[in-house]
Amino acid sequence: MAALAKAGEVRRERAELKHQLKLGTITLADLVARADSDDVVGKMKVLAVLESLPGVGKVKARRTMDEVGIADTRRMRGLGDQQRLALFSAFPGDPR
């Protein structure tokens, strides 16, 4: 029962983070910076995060990941330094 409650809480946290990303209250750079220390962010899929960016849909997110060389199943914590830099340059509206 406790595991179900914890899983529900984690889903709510991820949904809230994606909502904040869509509104622009947090940035892609903020999430990437938190990925190594925060389990909730670290276990989010990169594709889901990119789709949550304002003005980015499923097609653009998938196309960008293909161009950068990120697998569809990659999670935020698993991004390498070069992949992170490529994402920042692909979405230049982000401050970093």
Protein backbone atom coordinates (compact mmCIF):
# COMPACT_ATOMS: atom_id res chain seq x y z
CA MET A 1 0.00 0.00 0.00
CA ALA A 2 2.85 2.37 0.84
CA ALA A 3 4.50 1.67 -2.51
CA LEU A 4 1.32 2.61 -4.35
CA ALA A 5 1.04 5.86 -2.42
CA LYS A 6 4.68 6.71 -3.13
CA ALA A 7 4.25 5.94 -6.84
CA GLY A 8 1.21 8.19 -7.00
CA GLU A 9 3.11 11.00 -5.32
CA VAL A 10 6.01 10.66 -7.78
CA ARG A 11 3.60 10.77 -10.74
CA ARG A 12 2.03 13.94 -9.35
CA GLU A 13 5.46 15.54 -8.90
CA ARG A 14 6.45 14.70 -12.49
CA ALA A 15 3.17 16.06 -13.81
CA GLU A 16 3.68 19.27 -11.83
CA LEU A 17 7.22 19.66 -13.17
CA LYS A 18 6.00 19.21 -16.75
CA HIS A 19 3.24 21.73 -16.13
CA GLN A 20 5.73 24.27 -14.74
CA LEU A 21 7.95 23.67 -17.77
CA LYS A 22 4.99 24.30 -20.09
CA LEU A 23 4.19 27.55 -18.25
CA GLY A 24 7.82 28.65 -18.31
CA THR A 25 8.25 28.91 -14.55
CA ILE A 26 11.18 26.48 -14.78
CA THR A 27 13.54 25.95 -17.69
CA LEU A 28 15.10 22.99 -19.41
CA ALA A 29 18.43 24.03 -17.89
CA ASP A 30 16.89 23.93 -14.40
CA LEU A 31 15.67 20.38 -14.92
CA VAL A 32 18.96 19.22 -16.38
CA ALA A 33 20.81 20.70 -13.41
CA ARG A 34 18.49 18.90 -10.99
CA ALA A 35 18.64 15.55 -12.83
CA ASP A 36 21.73 14.25 -11.05
CA SER A 37 20.56 15.05 -7.53
CA ASP A 38 16.76 14.67 -7.74
CA ASP A 39 15.40 11.16 -8.38
CA VAL A 40 12.05 12.46 -9.64
CA VAL A 41 13.73 14.55 -12.36
CA GLY A 42 16.46 12.02 -13.05
CA LYS A 43 13.99 9.28 -13.89
CA MET A 44 11.88 11.42 -16.25
CA LYS A 45 12.16 10.52 -19.92
CA VAL A 46 13.86 13.14 -22.06
CA LEU A 47 11.15 12.86 -24.72
CA ALA A 48 8.41 13.68 -22.18
CA VAL A 49 10.39 16.68 -20.93
CA LEU A 50 10.95 18.03 -24.45
CA GLU A 51 7.28 17.57 -25.33
CA SER A 52 6.44 19.68 -22.27
CA LEU A 53 8.45 22.67 -23.52
CA PRO A 54 6.31 25.55 -24.78
CA GLY A 55 5.96 25.40 -28.57
CA VAL A 56 7.44 21.90 -28.84
CA GLY A 57 5.21 19.02 -29.84
CA LYS A 58 5.73 15.32 -30.33
CA VAL A 59 7.16 15.65 -33.84
CA LYS A 60 9.67 18.39 -33.05
CA ALA A 61 10.77 16.68 -29.83
CA ARG A 62 11.33 13.35 -31.58
CA ARG A 63 13.09 14.99 -34.54
CA THR A 64 15.42 16.91 -32.22
CA MET A 65 16.28 13.77 -30.28
CA ASP A 66 17.08 11.96 -33.53
CA GLU A 67 19.32 14.81 -34.70
CA VAL A 68 21.14 14.99 -31.36
CA GLY A 69 21.46 11.22 -31.10
CA ILE A 70 19.40 10.59 -27.98
CA ALA A 71 17.46 7.32 -27.75
CA ASP A 72 13.70 7.51 -27.20
CA THR A 73 14.05 5.62 -23.93
CA ARG A 74 16.80 7.87 -22.47
CA ARG A 75 16.10 9.38 -19.08
CA MET A 76 17.27 12.78 -17.84
CA ARG A 77 19.96 11.42 -15.54
CA GLY A 78 21.44 9.39 -18.40
CA LEU A 79 22.22 12.37 -20.62
CA GLY A 80 25.88 12.98 -21.34
CA ASP A 81 27.54 16.38 -21.38
CA GLN A 82 27.54 16.59 -25.18
CA GLN A 83 23.87 15.62 -25.36
CA ARG A 84 22.98 18.27 -22.79
CA LEU A 85 24.86 20.94 -24.74
CA ALA A 86 23.19 19.84 -27.97
CA LEU A 87 19.75 20.15 -26.34
CA PHE A 88 20.59 23.64 -25.08
CA SER A 89 21.65 24.71 -28.58
CA ALA A 90 18.57 23.08 -30.14
CA PHE A 91 16.34 25.13 -27.85
CA PRO A 92 18.10 28.50 -27.75
CA GLY A 93 15.23 30.23 -25.95
CA ASP A 94 16.54 28.59 -22.82
CA PRO A 95 19.03 30.77 -20.93
CA ARG A 96 21.88 28.22 -20.81
